[in-house]
Amino acid sequence: MTDAARAFAMIIEPGGHFVAARDGETLLEAALRAGLSLPRSCRNGTCRACMCRLVDGEIDYRVEWPGLTAEEKAGGWILPCVALAKSDVTIDQPDTRERVPDPRPVRSRGF
């Protein structure tokens, strides 16, 4: 498998949602691509809206130091909006929801 095709399994508890997190894709991006909605706002690691616990696995960050204290990082807290899977991971995010498709019809742009 080439690096471009590499992916890691992400399990989101307590719902048991399974997502494949692609190489270079944040955990949040992977969840959204799979039709799941996680709490989020800034998407750059500062607002902490997405903060959750890493139960198992290894991550790295897109940013040098995300908006977590050293104590939070040591306690297993992560920010999925800037976290990259470096192994199969399990996160605890009880506020995960399946996205509901927008029922409104797509309108043309005047054509």
PDB file of N, CA and C in Angstrom:
ATOM      1  N   MET A   1       0.857  -1.187   0.000  1.00  0.00           N
ATOM      2  CA  MET A   1       0.000   0.000   0.000  1.00  0.00           C
ATOM      3  C   MET A   1       0.892   1.236   0.000  1.00  0.00           C
ATOM      4  N   THR A   2       0.643   2.179  -0.864  1.00  0.00           N
ATOM      5  CA  THR A   2       1.436   3.396  -0.913  1.00  0.00           C
ATOM      6  C   THR A   2       1.006   4.341   0.199  1.00  0.00           C
ATOM      7  N   ASP A   3       1.865   5.320   0.508  1.00  0.00           N
ATOM      8  CA  ASP A   3       1.515   6.302   1.536  1.00  0.00           C
ATOM      9  C   ASP A   3       0.228   7.032   1.194  1.00  0.00           C
ATOM     10  N   ALA A   4       0.006   7.336  -0.094  1.00  0.00           N
ATOM     11  CA  ALA A   4      -1.188   8.068  -0.502  1.00  0.00           C
ATOM     12  C   ALA A   4      -2.456   7.262  -0.236  1.00  0.00           C
ATOM     13  N   ALA A   5      -2.342   5.926  -0.235  1.00  0.00           N
ATOM     14  CA  ALA A   5      -3.517   5.082  -0.047  1.00  0.00           C
ATOM     15  C   ALA A   5      -3.682   4.629   1.405  1.00  0.00           C
ATOM     16  N   ARG A   6      -2.767   4.998   2.274  1.00  0.00           N
ATOM     17  CA  ARG A   6      -2.801   4.546   3.661  1.00  0.00           C
ATOM     18  C   ARG A   6      -3.991   5.158   4.391  1.00  0.00           C
ATOM     19  N   ALA A   7      -4.619   4.349   5.209  1.00  0.00           N
ATOM     20  CA  ALA A   7      -5.736   4.811   6.038  1.00  0.00           C
ATOM     21  C   ALA A   7      -5.703   4.045   7.349  1.00  0.00           C
ATOM     22  N   PHE A   8      -6.263   4.661   8.366  1.00  0.00           N
ATOM     23  CA  PHE A   8      -6.370   4.036   9.683  1.00  0.00           C
ATOM     24  C   PHE A   8      -7.833   3.970  10.087  1.00  0.00           C
ATOM     25  N   ALA A   9      -8.158   2.961  10.860  1.00  0.00           N
ATOM     26  CA  ALA A   9      -9.518   2.820  11.377  1.00  0.00           C
ATOM     27  C   ALA A   9      -9.720   3.789  12.531  1.00  0.00           C
ATOM     28  N   MET A  10     -10.858   4.457  12.535  1.00  0.00           N
ATOM     29  CA  MET A  10     -11.246   5.296  13.668  1.00  0.00           C
ATOM     30  C   MET A  10     -12.597   4.796  14.152  1.00  0.00           C
ATOM     31  N   ILE A  11     -12.670   4.498  15.431  1.00  0.00           N
ATOM     32  CA  ILE A  11     -13.936   4.133  16.051  1.00  0.00           C
ATOM     33  C   ILE A  11     -14.323   5.286  16.960  1.00  0.00           C
ATOM     34  N   ILE A  12     -15.555   5.734  16.816  1.00  0.00           N
ATOM     35  CA  ILE A  12     -16.060   6.842  17.635  1.00  0.00           C
ATOM     36  C   ILE A  12     -17.071   6.252  18.610  1.00  0.00           C
ATOM     37  N   GLU A  13     -16.726   6.303  19.868  1.00  0.00           N
ATOM     38  CA  GLU A  13     -17.594   5.804  20.935  1.00  0.00           C
ATOM     39  C   GLU A  13     -18.337   6.964  21.577  1.00  0.00           C
ATOM     40  N   PRO A  14     -19.458   6.746  22.197  1.00  0.00           N
ATOM     41  CA  PRO A  14     -20.022   5.457  22.552  1.00  0.00           C
ATOM     42  C   PRO A  14     -20.893   4.839  21.461  1.00  0.00           C
ATOM     43  N   GLY A  15     -21.024   5.459  20.317  1.00  0.00           N
ATOM     44  CA  GLY A  15     -21.916   4.954  19.284  1.00  0.00           C
ATOM     45  C   GLY A  15     -21.369   3.806  18.463  1.00  0.00           C
ATOM     46  N   GLY A  16     -20.054   3.543  18.553  1.00  0.00           N
ATOM     47  CA  GLY A  16     -19.457   2.476  17.775  1.00  0.00           C
ATOM     48  C   GLY A  16     -19.354   2.775  16.295  1.00  0.00           C
ATOM     49  N   HIS A  17     -19.336   4.055  15.925  1.00  0.00           N
ATOM     50  CA  HIS A  17     -19.200   4.442  14.514  1.00  0.00           C
ATOM     51  C   HIS A  17     -17.801   4.093  14.021  1.00  0.00           C
ATOM     52  N   PHE A  18     -17.707   3.515  12.834  1.00  0.00           N
ATOM     53  CA  PHE A  18     -16.433   3.158  12.224  1.00  0.00           C
ATOM     54  C   PHE A  18     -16.187   4.062  11.024  1.00  0.00           C
ATOM     55  N   VAL A  19     -14.977   4.635  10.968  1.00  0.00           N
ATOM     56  CA  VAL A  19     -14.600   5.534   9.885  1.00  0.00           C
ATOM     57  C   VAL A  19     -13.166   5.198   9.475  1.00  0.00           C
ATOM     58  N   ALA A  20     -12.871   5.274   8.197  1.00  0.00           N
ATOM     59  CA  ALA A  20     -11.495   5.149   7.721  1.00  0.00           C
ATOM     60  C   ALA A  20     -10.915   6.555   7.614  1.00  0.00           C
ATOM     61  N   ALA A  21      -9.874   6.825   8.384  1.00  0.00           N
ATOM     62  CA  ALA A  21      -9.209   8.128   8.348  1.00  0.00           C
ATOM     63  C   ALA A  21      -8.034   8.034   7.378  1.00  0.00           C
ATOM     64  N   ARG A  22      -8.120   8.760   6.288  1.00  0.00           N
ATOM     65  CA  ARG A  22      -7.086   8.732   5.253  1.00  0.00           C
ATOM     66  C   ARG A  22      -5.839   9.474   5.702  1.00  0.00           C
ATOM     67  N   ASP A  23      -4.730   9.115   5.092  1.00  0.00           N
ATOM     68  CA  ASP A  23      -3.462   9.781   5.379  1.00  0.00           C
ATOM     69  C   ASP A  23      -3.592  11.272   5.082  1.00  0.00           C
ATOM     70  N   GLY A  24      -3.223  12.119   6.032  1.00  0.00           N
ATOM     71  CA  GLY A  24      -3.288  13.561   5.849  1.00  0.00           C
ATOM     72  C   GLY A  24      -4.638  14.178   6.135  1.00  0.00           C
ATOM     73  N   GLU A  25      -5.621  13.372   6.468  1.00  0.00           N
ATOM     74  CA  GLU A  25      -6.980  13.840   6.744  1.00  0.00           C
ATOM     75  C   GLU A  25      -7.175  13.907   8.261  1.00  0.00           C
ATOM     76  N   THR A  26      -7.726  15.008   8.759  1.00  0.00           N
ATOM     77  CA  THR A  26      -7.969  15.086  10.194  1.00  0.00           C
ATOM     78  C   THR A  26      -9.092  14.135  10.589  1.00  0.00           C
ATOM     79  N   LEU A  27      -9.145  13.826  11.869  1.00  0.00           N
ATOM     80  CA  LEU A  27     -10.213  12.958  12.361  1.00  0.00           C
ATOM     81  C   LEU A  27     -11.580  13.586  12.098  1.00  0.00           C
ATOM     82  N   LEU A  28     -11.683  14.899  12.243  1.00  0.00           N
ATOM     83  CA  LEU A  28     -12.938  15.591  11.953  1.00  0.00           C
ATOM     84  C   LEU A  28     -13.293  15.462  10.477  1.00  0.00           C
ATOM     85  N   GLU A  29     -12.343  15.694   9.582  1.00  0.00           N
ATOM     86  CA  GLU A  29     -12.605  15.584   8.148  1.00  0.00           C
ATOM     87  C   GLU A  29     -13.067  14.167   7.786  1.00  0.00           C
ATOM     88  N   ALA A  30     -12.438  13.167   8.389  1.00  0.00           N
ATOM     89  CA  ALA A  30     -12.812  11.773   8.120  1.00  0.00           C
ATOM     90  C   ALA A  30     -14.241  11.506   8.573  1.00  0.00           C
ATOM     91  N   ALA A  31     -14.597  11.998   9.745  1.00  0.00           N
ATOM     92  CA  ALA A  31     -15.955  11.793  10.264  1.00  0.00           C
ATOM     93  C   ALA A  31     -16.980  12.480   9.365  1.00  0.00           C
ATOM     94  N   LEU A  32     -16.704  13.711   8.960  1.00  0.00           N
ATOM     95  CA  LEU A  32     -17.634  14.441   8.091  1.00  0.00           C
ATOM     96  C   LEU A  32     -17.792  13.736   6.750  1.00  0.00           C
ATOM     97  N   ARG A  33     -16.691  13.251   6.180  1.00  0.00           N
ATOM     98  CA  ARG A  33     -16.750  12.531   4.911  1.00  0.00           C
ATOM     99  C   ARG A  33     -17.606  11.273   5.027  1.00  0.00           C
ATOM    100  N   ALA A  34     -17.605  10.661   6.220  1.00  0.00           N
ATOM    101  CA  ALA A  34     -18.379   9.438   6.452  1.00  0.00           C
ATOM    102  C   ALA A  34     -19.829   9.725   6.839  1.00  0.00           C
ATOM    103  N   GLY A  35     -20.224  10.989   6.833  1.00  0.00           N
ATOM    104  CA  GLY A  35     -21.613  11.328   7.134  1.00  0.00           C
ATOM    105  C   GLY A  35     -21.911  11.504   8.606  1.00  0.00           C
ATOM    106  N   LEU A  36     -20.860  11.730   9.408  1.00  0.00           N
ATOM    107  CA  LEU A  36     -21.044  11.946  10.842  1.00  0.00           C
ATOM    108  C   LEU A  36     -20.738  13.398  11.178  1.00  0.00           C
ATOM    109  N   SER A  37     -21.443  13.920  12.132  1.00  0.00           N
ATOM    110  CA  SER A  37     -21.237  15.293  12.582  1.00  0.00           C
ATOM    111  C   SER A  37     -20.679  15.277  13.992  1.00  0.00           C
ATOM    112  N   LEU A  38     -19.505  15.846  14.161  1.00  0.00           N
ATOM    113  CA  LEU A  38     -18.893  16.013  15.476  1.00  0.00           C
ATOM    114  C   LEU A  38     -18.984  17.488  15.841  1.00  0.00           C
ATOM    115  N   PRO A  39     -19.004  17.800  17.134  1.00  0.00           N
ATOM    116  CA  PRO A  39     -18.972  19.213  17.521  1.00  0.00           C
ATOM    117  C   PRO A  39     -17.747  19.879  16.889  1.00  0.00           C
ATOM    118  N   ARG A  40     -17.919  21.109  16.413  1.00  0.00           N
ATOM    119  CA  ARG A  40     -16.811  21.816  15.770  1.00  0.00           C
ATOM    120  C   ARG A  40     -17.168  23.289  15.616  1.00  0.00           C
ATOM    121  N   SER A  41     -16.141  24.085  15.379  1.00  0.00           N
ATOM    122  CA  SER A  41     -16.364  25.488  15.086  1.00  0.00           C
ATOM    123  C   SER A  41     -15.210  26.018  14.244  1.00  0.00           C
ATOM    124  N   CYS A  42     -14.056  26.249  14.852  1.00  0.00           N
ATOM    125  CA  CYS A  42     -12.969  26.943  14.156  1.00  0.00           C
ATOM    126  C   CYS A  42     -12.206  26.092  13.149  1.00  0.00           C
ATOM    127  N   ARG A  43     -12.060  24.824  13.402  1.00  0.00           N
ATOM    128  CA  ARG A  43     -11.294  23.883  12.578  1.00  0.00           C
ATOM    129  C   ARG A  43      -9.812  24.192  12.505  1.00  0.00           C
ATOM    130  N   ASN A  44      -9.297  24.969  13.445  1.00  0.00           N
ATOM    131  CA  ASN A  44      -7.859  25.232  13.446  1.00  0.00           C
ATOM    132  C   ASN A  44      -7.206  25.005  14.809  1.00  0.00           C
ATOM    133  N   GLY A  45      -7.907  24.340  15.721  1.00  0.00           N
ATOM    134  CA  GLY A  45      -7.311  23.948  16.989  1.00  0.00           C
ATOM    135  C   GLY A  45      -7.315  24.997  18.082  1.00  0.00           C
ATOM    136  N   THR A  46      -8.151  26.025  17.949  1.00  0.00           N
ATOM    137  CA  THR A  46      -8.138  27.069  18.977  1.00  0.00           C
ATOM    138  C   THR A  46      -9.417  27.168  19.803  1.00  0.00           C
ATOM    139  N   CYS A  47     -10.571  26.875  19.238  1.00  0.00           N
ATOM    140  CA  CYS A  47     -11.832  27.124  19.962  1.00  0.00           C
ATOM    141  C   CYS A  47     -12.189  26.024  20.959  1.00  0.00           C
ATOM    142  N   ARG A  48     -11.678  24.806  20.771  1.00  0.00           N
ATOM    143  CA  ARG A  48     -11.881  23.666  21.659  1.00  0.00           C
ATOM    144  C   ARG A  48     -13.292  23.080  21.603  1.00  0.00           C
ATOM    145  N   ALA A  49     -14.103  23.481  20.645  1.00  0.00           N
ATOM    146  CA  ALA A  49     -15.465  22.949  20.541  1.00  0.00           C
ATOM    147  C   ALA A  49     -15.471  21.448  20.277  1.00  0.00           C
ATOM    148  N   CYS A  50     -14.454  20.937  19.604  1.00  0.00           N
ATOM    149  CA  CYS A  50     -14.407  19.520  19.227  1.00  0.00           C
ATOM    150  C   CYS A  50     -13.684  18.640  20.250  1.00  0.00           C
ATOM    151  N   MET A  51     -13.199  19.221  21.322  1.00  0.00           N
ATOM    152  CA  MET A  51     -12.375  18.505  22.297  1.00  0.00           C
ATOM    153  C   MET A  51     -13.031  17.207  22.759  1.00  0.00           C
ATOM    154  N   CYS A  52     -12.271  16.123  22.712  1.00  0.00           N
ATOM    155  CA  CYS A  52     -12.756  14.821  23.172  1.00  0.00           C
ATOM    156  C   CYS A  52     -11.558  14.002  23.639  1.00  0.00           C
ATOM    157  N   ARG A  53     -11.828  12.801  24.123  1.00  0.00           N
ATOM    158  CA  ARG A  53     -10.744  11.949  24.620  1.00  0.00           C
ATOM    159  C   ARG A  53     -10.296  10.925  23.577  1.00  0.00           C
ATOM    160  N   LEU A  54      -8.996  10.726  23.528  1.00  0.00           N
ATOM    161  CA  LEU A  54      -8.410   9.644  22.753  1.00  0.00           C
ATOM    162  C   LEU A  54      -8.364   8.434  23.676  1.00  0.00           C
ATOM    163  N   VAL A  55      -9.135   7.405  23.362  1.00  0.00           N
ATOM    164  CA  VAL A  55      -9.216   6.205  24.189  1.00  0.00           C
ATOM    165  C   VAL A  55      -8.067   5.260  23.858  1.00  0.00           C
ATOM    166  N   ASP A  56      -7.752   5.159  22.562  1.00  0.00           N
ATOM    167  CA  ASP A  56      -6.715   4.227  22.133  1.00  0.00           C
ATOM    168  C   ASP A  56      -6.110   4.723  20.835  1.00  0.00           C
ATOM    169  N   GLY A  57      -4.835   4.430  20.626  1.00  0.00           N
ATOM    170  CA  GLY A  57      -4.165   4.775  19.384  1.00  0.00           C
ATOM    171  C   GLY A  57      -3.249   5.973  19.517  1.00  0.00           C
ATOM    172  N   GLU A  58      -2.691   6.361  18.382  1.00  0.00           N
ATOM    173  CA  GLU A  58      -1.739   7.476  18.338  1.00  0.00           C
ATOM    174  C   GLU A  58      -2.170   8.499  17.302  1.00  0.00           C
ATOM    175  N   ILE A  59      -1.989   9.760  17.651  1.00  0.00           N
ATOM    176  CA  ILE A  59      -2.293  10.861  16.728  1.00  0.00           C
ATOM    177  C   ILE A  59      -1.104  11.805  16.661  1.00  0.00           C
ATOM    178  N   ASP A  60      -1.137  12.655  15.689  1.00  0.00           N
ATOM    179  CA  ASP A  60      -0.216  13.772  15.569  1.00  0.00           C
ATOM    180  C   ASP A  60      -1.090  14.966  15.230  1.00  0.00           C
ATOM    181  N   TYR A  61      -0.520  16.158  15.251  1.00  0.00           N
ATOM    182  CA  TYR A  61      -1.304  17.356  14.970  1.00  0.00           C
ATOM    183  C   TYR A  61      -0.799  18.087  13.741  1.00  0.00           C
ATOM    184  N   ARG A  62      -1.731  18.722  13.036  1.00  0.00           N
ATOM    185  CA  ARG A  62      -1.395  19.585  11.899  1.00  0.00           C
ATOM    186  C   ARG A  62      -0.732  20.877  12.352  1.00  0.00           C
ATOM    187  N   VAL A  63      -1.018  21.289  13.559  1.00  0.00           N
ATOM    188  CA  VAL A  63      -0.467  22.535  14.097  1.00  0.00           C
ATOM    189  C   VAL A  63       0.533  22.194  15.190  1.00  0.00           C
ATOM    190  N   GLU A  64       1.476  23.098  15.437  1.00  0.00           N
ATOM    191  CA  GLU A  64       2.541  22.817  16.398  1.00  0.00           C
ATOM    192  C   GLU A  64       2.016  22.579  17.809  1.00  0.00           C
ATOM    193  N   TRP A  65       1.144  23.430  18.292  1.00  0.00           N
ATOM    194  CA  TRP A  65       0.610  23.254  19.637  1.00  0.00           C
ATOM    195  C   TRP A  65      -0.862  23.648  19.634  1.00  0.00           C
ATOM    196  N   PRO A  66      -1.756  22.647  19.553  1.00  0.00           N
ATOM    197  CA  PRO A  66      -3.193  22.962  19.535  1.00  0.00           C
ATOM    198  C   PRO A  66      -3.640  23.544  20.860  1.00  0.00           C
ATOM    199  N   GLY A  67      -4.847  24.075  20.906  1.00  0.00           N
ATOM    200  CA  GLY A  67      -5.383  24.767  22.076  1.00  0.00           C
ATOM    201  C   GLY A  67      -5.694  23.868  23.254  1.00  0.00           C
ATOM    202  N   LEU A  68      -4.722  23.093  23.695  1.00  0.00           N
ATOM    203  CA  LEU A  68      -4.853  22.251  24.879  1.00  0.00           C
ATOM    204  C   LEU A  68      -3.738  22.571  25.851  1.00  0.00           C
ATOM    205  N   THR A  69      -4.028  22.435  27.125  1.00  0.00           N
ATOM    206  CA  THR A  69      -2.968  22.585  28.117  1.00  0.00           C
ATOM    207  C   THR A  69      -2.141  21.305  28.155  1.00  0.00           C
ATOM    208  N   ALA A  70      -0.957  21.373  28.718  1.00  0.00           N
ATOM    209  CA  ALA A  70      -0.119  20.177  28.856  1.00  0.00           C
ATOM    210  C   ALA A  70      -0.839  19.117  29.686  1.00  0.00           C
ATOM    211  N   GLU A  71      -1.580  19.558  30.700  1.00  0.00           N
ATOM    212  CA  GLU A  71      -2.320  18.620  31.547  1.00  0.00           C
ATOM    213  C   GLU A  71      -3.435  17.926  30.770  1.00  0.00           C
ATOM    214  N   GLU A  72      -4.128  18.671  29.900  1.00  0.00           N
ATOM    215  CA  GLU A  72      -5.185  18.069  29.081  1.00  0.00           C
ATOM    216  C   GLU A  72      -4.599  17.041  28.112  1.00  0.00           C
ATOM    217  N   LYS A  73      -3.489  17.398  27.481  1.00  0.00           N
ATOM    218  CA  LYS A  73      -2.849  16.454  26.566  1.00  0.00           C
ATOM    219  C   LYS A  73      -2.430  15.197  27.317  1.00  0.00           C
ATOM    220  N   ALA A  74      -1.846  15.362  28.484  1.00  0.00           N
ATOM    221  CA  ALA A  74      -1.422  14.212  29.293  1.00  0.00           C
ATOM    222  C   ALA A  74      -2.616  13.374  29.730  1.00  0.00           C
ATOM    223  N   GLY A  75      -3.785  14.000  29.888  1.00  0.00           N
ATOM    224  CA  GLY A  75      -4.997  13.307  30.290  1.00  0.00           C
ATOM    225  C   GLY A  75      -5.743  12.646  29.139  1.00  0.00           C
ATOM    226  N   GLY A  76      -5.185  12.721  27.934  1.00  0.00           N
ATOM    227  CA  GLY A  76      -5.799  12.045  26.797  1.00  0.00           C
ATOM    228  C   GLY A  76      -6.757  12.882  25.982  1.00  0.00           C
ATOM    229  N   TRP A  77      -6.871  14.175  26.274  1.00  0.00           N
ATOM    230  CA  TRP A  77      -7.762  15.045  25.496  1.00  0.00           C
ATOM    231  C   TRP A  77      -7.103  15.393  24.171  1.00  0.00           C
ATOM    232  N   ILE A  78      -7.913  15.453  23.118  1.00  0.00           N
ATOM    233  CA  ILE A  78      -7.419  15.809  21.786  1.00  0.00           C
ATOM    234  C   ILE A  78      -8.391  16.772  21.116  1.00  0.00           C
ATOM    235  N   LEU A  79      -7.940  17.348  20.024  1.00  0.00           N
ATOM    236  CA  LEU A  79      -8.776  18.207  19.186  1.00  0.00           C
ATOM    237  C   LEU A  79      -8.846  17.573  17.799  1.00  0.00           C
ATOM    238  N   PRO A  80      -9.939  16.843  17.494  1.00  0.00           N
ATOM    239  CA  PRO A  80     -10.055  16.145  16.218  1.00  0.00           C
ATOM    240  C   PRO A  80      -9.951  17.038  14.982  1.00  0.00           C
ATOM    241  N   CYS A  81     -10.222  18.319  15.128  1.00  0.00           N
ATOM    242  CA  CYS A  81     -10.183  19.206  13.960  1.00  0.00           C
ATOM    243  C   CYS A  81      -8.775  19.370  13.402  1.00  0.00           C
ATOM    244  N   VAL A  82      -7.759  19.101  14.213  1.00  0.00           N
ATOM    245  CA  VAL A  82      -6.369  19.210  13.746  1.00  0.00           C
ATOM    246  C   VAL A  82      -5.572  17.940  14.029  1.00  0.00           C
ATOM    247  N   ALA A  83      -6.246  16.864  14.475  1.00  0.00           N
ATOM    248  CA  ALA A  83      -5.576  15.603  14.811  1.00  0.00           C
ATOM    249  C   ALA A  83      -5.536  14.677  13.601  1.00  0.00           C
ATOM    250  N   LEU A  84      -4.376  14.089  13.365  1.00  0.00           N
ATOM    251  CA  LEU A  84      -4.157  13.133  12.288  1.00  0.00           C
ATOM    252  C   LEU A  84      -3.884  11.770  12.904  1.00  0.00           C
ATOM    253  N   ALA A  85      -4.548  10.741  12.432  1.00  0.00           N
ATOM    254  CA  ALA A  85      -4.321   9.386  12.938  1.00  0.00           C
ATOM    255  C   ALA A  85      -2.938   8.906  12.509  1.00  0.00           C
ATOM    256  N   LYS A  86      -2.205   8.329  13.453  1.00  0.00           N
ATOM    257  CA  LYS A  86      -0.917   7.708  13.161  1.00  0.00           C
ATOM    258  C   LYS A  86      -0.984   6.205  13.393  1.00  0.00           C
ATOM    259  N   SER A  87      -2.158   5.736  13.796  1.00  0.00           N
ATOM    260  CA  SER A  87      -2.455   4.318  13.988  1.00  0.00           C
ATOM    261  C   SER A  87      -3.977   4.213  13.990  1.00  0.00           C
ATOM    262  N   ASP A  88      -4.505   3.012  14.147  1.00  0.00           N
ATOM    263  CA  ASP A  88      -5.938   2.888  14.378  1.00  0.00           C
ATOM    264  C   ASP A  88      -6.243   3.600  15.683  1.00  0.00           C
ATOM    265  N   VAL A  89      -7.361   4.322  15.747  1.00  0.00           N
ATOM    266  CA  VAL A  89      -7.687   5.098  16.943  1.00  0.00           C
ATOM    267  C   VAL A  89      -9.131   4.865  17.370  1.00  0.00           C
ATOM    268  N   THR A  90      -9.357   5.065  18.649  1.00  0.00           N
ATOM    269  CA  THR A  90     -10.705   5.102  19.207  1.00  0.00           C
ATOM    270  C   THR A  90     -10.814   6.400  19.977  1.00  0.00           C
ATOM    271  N   ILE A  91     -11.872   7.166  19.690  1.00  0.00           N
ATOM    272  CA  ILE A  91     -12.117   8.404  20.427  1.00  0.00           C
ATOM    273  C   ILE A  91     -13.455   8.302  21.142  1.00  0.00           C
ATOM    274  N   ASP A  92     -13.575   9.047  22.211  1.00  0.00           N
ATOM    275  CA  ASP A  92     -14.826   9.116  22.969  1.00  0.00           C
ATOM    276  C   ASP A  92     -15.434  10.490  22.717  1.00  0.00           C
ATOM    277  N   GLN A  93     -16.474  10.527  21.883  1.00  0.00           N
ATOM    278  CA  GLN A  93     -17.177  11.769  21.561  1.00  0.00           C
ATOM    279  C   GLN A  93     -18.678  11.469  21.572  1.00  0.00           C
ATOM    280  N   PRO A  94     -19.309  11.596  22.767  1.00  0.00           N
ATOM    281  CA  PRO A  94     -20.726  11.255  22.882  1.00  0.00           C
ATOM    282  C   PRO A  94     -21.661  12.136  22.061  1.00  0.00           C
ATOM    283  N   ASP A  95     -21.197  13.292  21.598  1.00  0.00           N
ATOM    284  CA  ASP A  95     -22.058  14.200  20.845  1.00  0.00           C
ATOM    285  C   ASP A  95     -22.013  13.956  19.336  1.00  0.00           C
ATOM    286  N   THR A  96     -21.484  12.811  18.906  1.00  0.00           N
ATOM    287  CA  THR A  96     -21.451  12.474  17.483  1.00  0.00           C
ATOM    288  C   THR A  96     -22.862  12.197  16.987  1.00  0.00           C
ATOM    289  N   ARG A  97     -23.191  12.746  15.850  1.00  0.00           N
ATOM    290  CA  ARG A  97     -24.515  12.554  15.245  1.00  0.00           C
ATOM    291  C   ARG A  97     -24.346  12.176  13.783  1.00  0.00           C
ATOM    292  N   GLU A  98     -25.279  11.384  13.281  1.00  0.00           N
ATOM    293  CA  GLU A  98     -25.307  11.135  11.846  1.00  0.00           C
ATOM    294  C   GLU A  98     -25.904  12.362  11.187  1.00  0.00           C
ATOM    295  N   ARG A  99     -25.263  12.815  10.120  1.00  0.00           N
ATOM    296  CA  ARG A  99     -25.773  14.000   9.420  1.00  0.00           C
ATOM    297  C   ARG A  99     -27.030  13.630   8.672  1.00  0.00           C
ATOM    298  N   VAL A 100     -27.995  14.510   8.728  1.00  0.00           N
ATOM    299  CA  VAL A 100     -29.253  14.311   8.014  1.00  0.00           C
ATOM    300  C   VAL A 100     -29.166  15.096   6.715  1.00  0.00           C
ATOM    301  N   PRO A 101     -29.416  14.450   5.581  1.00  0.00           N
ATOM    302  CA  PRO A 101     -29.366  15.174   4.310  1.00  0.00           C
ATOM    303  C   PRO A 101     -30.384  16.317   4.289  1.00  0.00           C
ATOM    304  N   ASP A 102     -30.028  17.390   3.633  1.00  0.00           N
ATOM    305  CA  ASP A 102     -30.925  18.537   3.495  1.00  0.00           C
ATOM    306  C   ASP A 102     -32.072  18.142   2.564  1.00  0.00           C
ATOM    307  N   PRO A 103     -33.333  18.200   3.045  1.00  0.00           N
ATOM    308  CA  PRO A 103     -34.462  17.764   2.222  1.00  0.00           C
ATOM    309  C   PRO A 103     -34.870  18.783   1.156  1.00  0.00           C
ATOM    310  N   ARG A 104     -34.317  19.988   1.218  1.00  0.00           N
ATOM    311  CA  ARG A 104     -34.699  21.010   0.233  1.00  0.00           C
ATOM    312  C   ARG A 104     -34.159  20.649  -1.135  1.00  0.00           C
ATOM    313  N   PRO A 105     -34.942  20.875  -2.181  1.00  0.00           N
ATOM    314  CA  PRO A 105     -34.467  20.563  -3.537  1.00  0.00           C
ATOM    315  C   PRO A 105     -33.338  21.514  -3.924  1.00  0.00           C
ATOM    316  N   VAL A 106     -32.458  21.004  -4.758  1.00  0.00           N
ATOM    317  CA  VAL A 106     -31.366  21.833  -5.281  1.00  0.00           C
ATOM    318  C   VAL A 106     -31.967  22.731  -6.347  1.00  0.00           C
ATOM    319  N   ARG A 107     -31.697  24.017  -6.229  1.00  0.00           N
ATOM    320  CA  ARG A 107     -32.224  24.974  -7.203  1.00  0.00           C
ATOM    321  C   ARG A 107     -31.159  25.322  -8.215  1.00  0.00           C
ATOM    322  N   SER A 108     -31.584  25.497  -9.428  1.00  0.00           N
ATOM    323  CA  SER A 108     -30.630  25.893 -10.459  1.00  0.00           C
ATOM    324  C   SER A 108     -30.283  27.365 -10.274  1.00  0.00           C
ATOM    325  N   ARG A 109     -29.221  27.765 -10.882  1.00  0.00           N
ATOM    326  CA  ARG A 109     -28.764  29.150 -10.763  1.00  0.00           C
ATOM    327  C   ARG A 109     -29.207  29.973 -11.961  1.00  0.00           C
ATOM    328  N   GLY A 110     -30.513  29.917 -12.257  1.00  0.00           N
ATOM    329  CA  GLY A 110     -31.051  30.730 -13.332  1.00  0.00           C
ATOM    330  C   GLY A 110     -30.930  30.129 -14.720  1.00  0.00           C
ATOM    331  N   PHE A 111     -30.542  28.903 -14.790  1.00  0.00           N
ATOM    332  CA  PHE A 111     -30.407  28.242 -16.099  1.00  0.00           C
ATOM    333  C   PHE A 111     -31.708  27.638 -16.520  1.00  0.00           C
TER     334      PHE A 111
END
